[in-house]
Amino acid sequence: FQAEDGIRDLVRSRGLGDVYKRQLQLQAISRFFKNPAFPIGAGPDFVNAVIKVCTHEKAQKVMDQLHAIEKKFGRSRGKRWGERTLDLDLIAFDQSIKPNKSVYLYWHDLKQEKQIFEAPSDLILPHPRMHERAFVLIPLLDIAPSWVHPVLMKNTSQLCDNLNCEDISHLRCI
């Protein structure tokens, strides 16, 4: 039994195995972390991980594929940040800024009280809140410590330096 094989088996059994069937070549998998749902109290604890894939698909097509996997596992998109069976996000797509920098900045700068009621209808890349979320950055640090955020111009390690210590303390490696 090798740890990498065990992780791949776990990924396949949790729905991400479908990624292998959808023109996405797995490059790396982070460790798995358990943490409270976001926002805290929005449901049971989550298990988070980050994977890196290689693809010739466009970002929107990859996002559509991830949504299809979520649906297969019972995800229905109702209440924003509501309880969900599976939540697959496209966090970044190399150095892409989508749909453009001004739209990205609108969502990046949107106050949390407005985020509850407003959700983008288009794919926003990189994810406008990734730099605030330990459950994204700590797993990303495992597989891409030198990736540079194309708007903030900081690498993953530098982004992690700005995380809230309390948010980091909620993560449990499993």
Protein backbone atom coordinates (compact mmCIF):
# COMPACT_ATOMS: atom_id res chain seq x y z
CA PHE A 1 0.00 0.00 0.00
CA GLN A 2 1.46 3.33 -1.04
CA ALA A 3 0.06 6.58 0.30
CA GLU A 4 -0.35 8.04 -3.20
CA ASP A 5 -2.37 4.99 -4.31
CA GLY A 6 -4.56 5.30 -1.23
CA ILE A 7 -5.22 8.97 -1.93
CA ARG A 8 -6.06 8.22 -5.56
CA ASP A 9 -8.51 5.52 -4.43
CA LEU A 10 -10.10 7.99 -2.02
CA VAL A 11 -10.37 10.63 -4.74
CA ARG A 12 -11.97 8.14 -7.13
CA SER A 13 -14.46 6.98 -4.52
CA ARG A 14 -15.51 10.56 -3.65
CA GLY A 15 -16.55 11.54 -7.17
CA LEU A 16 -13.37 13.05 -8.47
CA GLY A 17 -12.68 9.78 -10.24
CA ASP A 18 -14.95 11.19 -12.91
CA VAL A 19 -12.24 13.77 -13.59
CA TYR A 20 -10.12 10.98 -15.02
CA LYS A 21 -12.86 10.27 -17.57
CA ARG A 22 -13.29 13.85 -18.71
CA GLN A 23 -10.11 14.85 -20.55
CA LEU A 24 -8.39 16.09 -17.42
CA GLN A 25 -5.02 14.54 -16.64
CA LEU A 26 -4.28 14.42 -12.92
CA GLN A 27 -0.91 15.99 -12.11
CA ALA A 28 -0.96 16.27 -8.29
CA ILE A 29 -3.21 15.81 -5.24
CA SER A 30 -2.83 17.66 -1.96
CA ARG A 31 -3.34 16.15 1.45
CA PHE A 32 -6.95 15.98 2.65
CA PHE A 33 -8.12 18.42 5.33
CA LYS A 34 -11.28 18.39 7.42
CA ASN A 35 -12.76 21.73 8.42
CA PRO A 36 -16.11 23.36 9.21
CA ALA A 37 -18.34 24.21 6.26
CA PHE A 38 -18.08 27.75 4.95
CA PRO A 39 -19.51 29.83 6.35
CA ILE A 40 -19.25 28.08 9.72
CA GLY A 41 -22.61 26.57 10.60
CA ALA A 42 -23.70 26.16 6.95
CA GLY A 43 -23.64 22.37 7.25
CA PRO A 44 -21.51 19.45 8.36
CA ASP A 45 -17.73 19.54 8.20
CA PHE A 46 -16.13 19.35 4.78
CA VAL A 47 -13.13 17.46 3.54
CA ASN A 48 -11.06 19.70 1.29
CA ALA A 49 -8.23 18.96 -1.08
CA VAL A 50 -6.73 20.57 -4.15
CA ILE A 51 -5.88 18.76 -7.34
CA LYS A 52 -3.83 19.98 -10.25
CA VAL A 53 -4.81 18.80 -13.71
CA CYS A 54 -3.55 19.28 -17.22
CA THR A 55 -6.16 19.84 -19.91
CA HIS A 56 -6.67 21.23 -23.36
CA GLU A 57 -10.22 22.26 -22.43
CA LYS A 58 -11.25 25.85 -21.82
CA ALA A 59 -11.91 27.00 -18.25
CA GLN A 60 -15.71 27.16 -18.67
CA LYS A 61 -15.81 23.60 -20.05
CA VAL A 62 -13.83 22.36 -17.04
CA MET A 63 -16.24 24.17 -14.69
CA ASP A 64 -19.21 22.62 -16.52
CA GLN A 65 -17.63 19.19 -16.06
CA LEU A 66 -17.18 19.82 -12.33
CA HIS A 67 -20.82 20.88 -12.02
CA ALA A 68 -21.88 17.67 -13.81
CA ILE A 69 -19.93 15.63 -11.26
CA GLU A 70 -21.57 17.55 -8.40
CA LYS A 71 -25.01 16.89 -9.86
CA LYS A 72 -24.23 13.17 -10.19
CA PHE A 73 -23.57 13.13 -6.46
CA GLY A 74 -26.81 14.88 -5.53
CA ARG A 75 -25.74 18.51 -5.46
CA SER A 76 -28.54 20.95 -6.05
CA ARG A 77 -27.77 24.63 -6.30
CA GLY A 78 -30.26 26.49 -4.18
CA LYS A 79 -29.28 28.70 -1.29
CA ARG A 80 -25.89 30.39 -1.61
CA TRP A 81 -23.42 28.72 0.75
CA GLY A 82 -26.12 26.25 1.73
CA GLU A 83 -25.58 22.64 2.70
CA ARG A 84 -24.19 20.58 -0.17
CA THR A 85 -23.22 16.99 -0.85
CA LEU A 86 -20.19 17.91 -2.94
CA ASP A 87 -18.58 21.24 -3.80
CA LEU A 88 -16.05 21.32 -6.63
CA ASP A 89 -14.52 24.67 -7.49
CA LEU A 90 -12.18 25.80 -10.20
CA ILE A 91 -9.82 27.93 -8.13
CA ALA A 92 -7.37 28.99 -10.82
CA PHE A 93 -6.62 28.25 -14.44
CA ASP A 94 -2.90 28.82 -14.81
CA GLN A 95 -2.50 32.63 -14.95
CA SER A 96 -5.94 33.38 -16.43
CA ILE A 97 -8.02 36.30 -15.23
CA LYS A 98 -11.62 35.69 -16.28
CA PRO A 99 -13.73 37.23 -17.59
CA ASN A 100 -11.45 40.28 -17.14
CA LYS A 101 -9.60 42.13 -14.40
CA SER A 102 -12.32 44.72 -13.69
CA VAL A 103 -14.99 42.03 -13.18
CA TYR A 104 -12.57 40.02 -11.07
CA LEU A 105 -11.89 43.10 -8.90
CA TYR A 106 -15.63 43.76 -8.44
CA TRP A 107 -16.10 40.30 -6.92
CA HIS A 108 -12.79 40.43 -5.04
CA ASP A 109 -13.78 43.71 -3.35
CA LEU A 110 -17.44 42.85 -2.70
CA LYS A 111 -18.26 43.10 1.03
CA GLN A 112 -19.31 39.87 2.77
CA GLU A 113 -22.78 41.16 3.63
CA LYS A 114 -23.42 41.57 -0.11
CA GLN A 115 -21.79 38.22 -1.02
CA ILE A 116 -24.63 36.43 0.77
CA PHE A 117 -27.12 37.79 -1.75
CA GLU A 118 -25.02 38.31 -4.87
CA ALA A 119 -23.37 35.54 -6.84
CA PRO A 120 -21.61 35.87 -10.17
CA SER A 121 -23.38 34.34 -13.15
CA ASP A 122 -20.08 33.93 -15.00
CA LEU A 123 -16.95 32.03 -14.06
CA ILE A 124 -14.55 34.31 -12.15
CA LEU A 125 -10.87 33.33 -12.16
CA PRO A 126 -8.91 33.14 -10.08
CA HIS A 127 -11.52 32.47 -7.41
CA PRO A 128 -12.07 35.94 -5.87
CA ARG A 129 -11.95 34.66 -2.27
CA MET A 130 -9.22 32.02 -2.55
CA HIS A 131 -6.64 34.27 -0.89
CA GLU A 132 -8.83 34.47 2.25
CA ARG A 133 -9.52 30.77 2.71
CA ALA A 134 -7.17 28.50 4.60
CA PHE A 135 -9.10 25.46 3.36
CA VAL A 136 -8.02 26.42 -0.18
CA LEU A 137 -4.53 27.81 0.34
CA ILE A 138 -3.10 25.22 2.74
CA PRO A 139 -3.90 22.31 0.36
CA LEU A 140 -2.71 24.45 -2.58
CA LEU A 141 0.56 24.98 -0.73
CA ASP A 142 1.08 21.19 -0.86
CA ILE A 143 1.09 21.04 -4.63
CA ALA A 144 1.83 24.54 -5.91
CA PRO A 145 3.78 26.64 -3.38
CA SER A 146 5.27 28.84 -6.09
CA TRP A 147 2.08 29.44 -8.10
CA VAL A 148 1.62 33.21 -8.43
CA HIS A 149 -1.81 34.80 -8.14
CA PRO A 150 -2.15 36.74 -11.42
CA VAL A 151 -3.85 39.77 -9.82
CA LEU A 152 -2.37 39.93 -6.33
CA MET A 153 1.10 38.98 -7.63
CA LYS A 154 1.89 36.87 -4.57
CA ASN A 155 2.80 33.20 -4.57
CA THR A 156 0.90 30.59 -2.58
CA SER A 157 3.37 30.73 0.30
CA GLN A 158 3.01 34.50 0.55
CA LEU A 159 -0.78 34.25 0.42
CA CYS A 160 -0.66 31.72 3.28
CA ASP A 161 1.38 34.17 5.35
CA ASN A 162 -1.64 36.51 5.31
CA LEU A 163 -4.16 33.92 6.54
CA ASN A 164 -6.03 34.32 9.81
CA CYS A 165 -4.49 32.00 12.44
CA GLU A 166 -7.95 31.01 13.68
CA ASP A 167 -8.95 29.86 10.18
CA ILE A 168 -5.79 27.76 9.94
CA SER A 169 -6.50 26.24 13.36
CA HIS A 170 -9.82 24.82 12.03
CA LEU A 171 -8.00 22.60 9.50
CA ARG A 172 -7.27 19.01 10.46
CA CYS A 173 -5.15 16.88 8.14
CA ILE A 174 -6.77 13.46 7.71
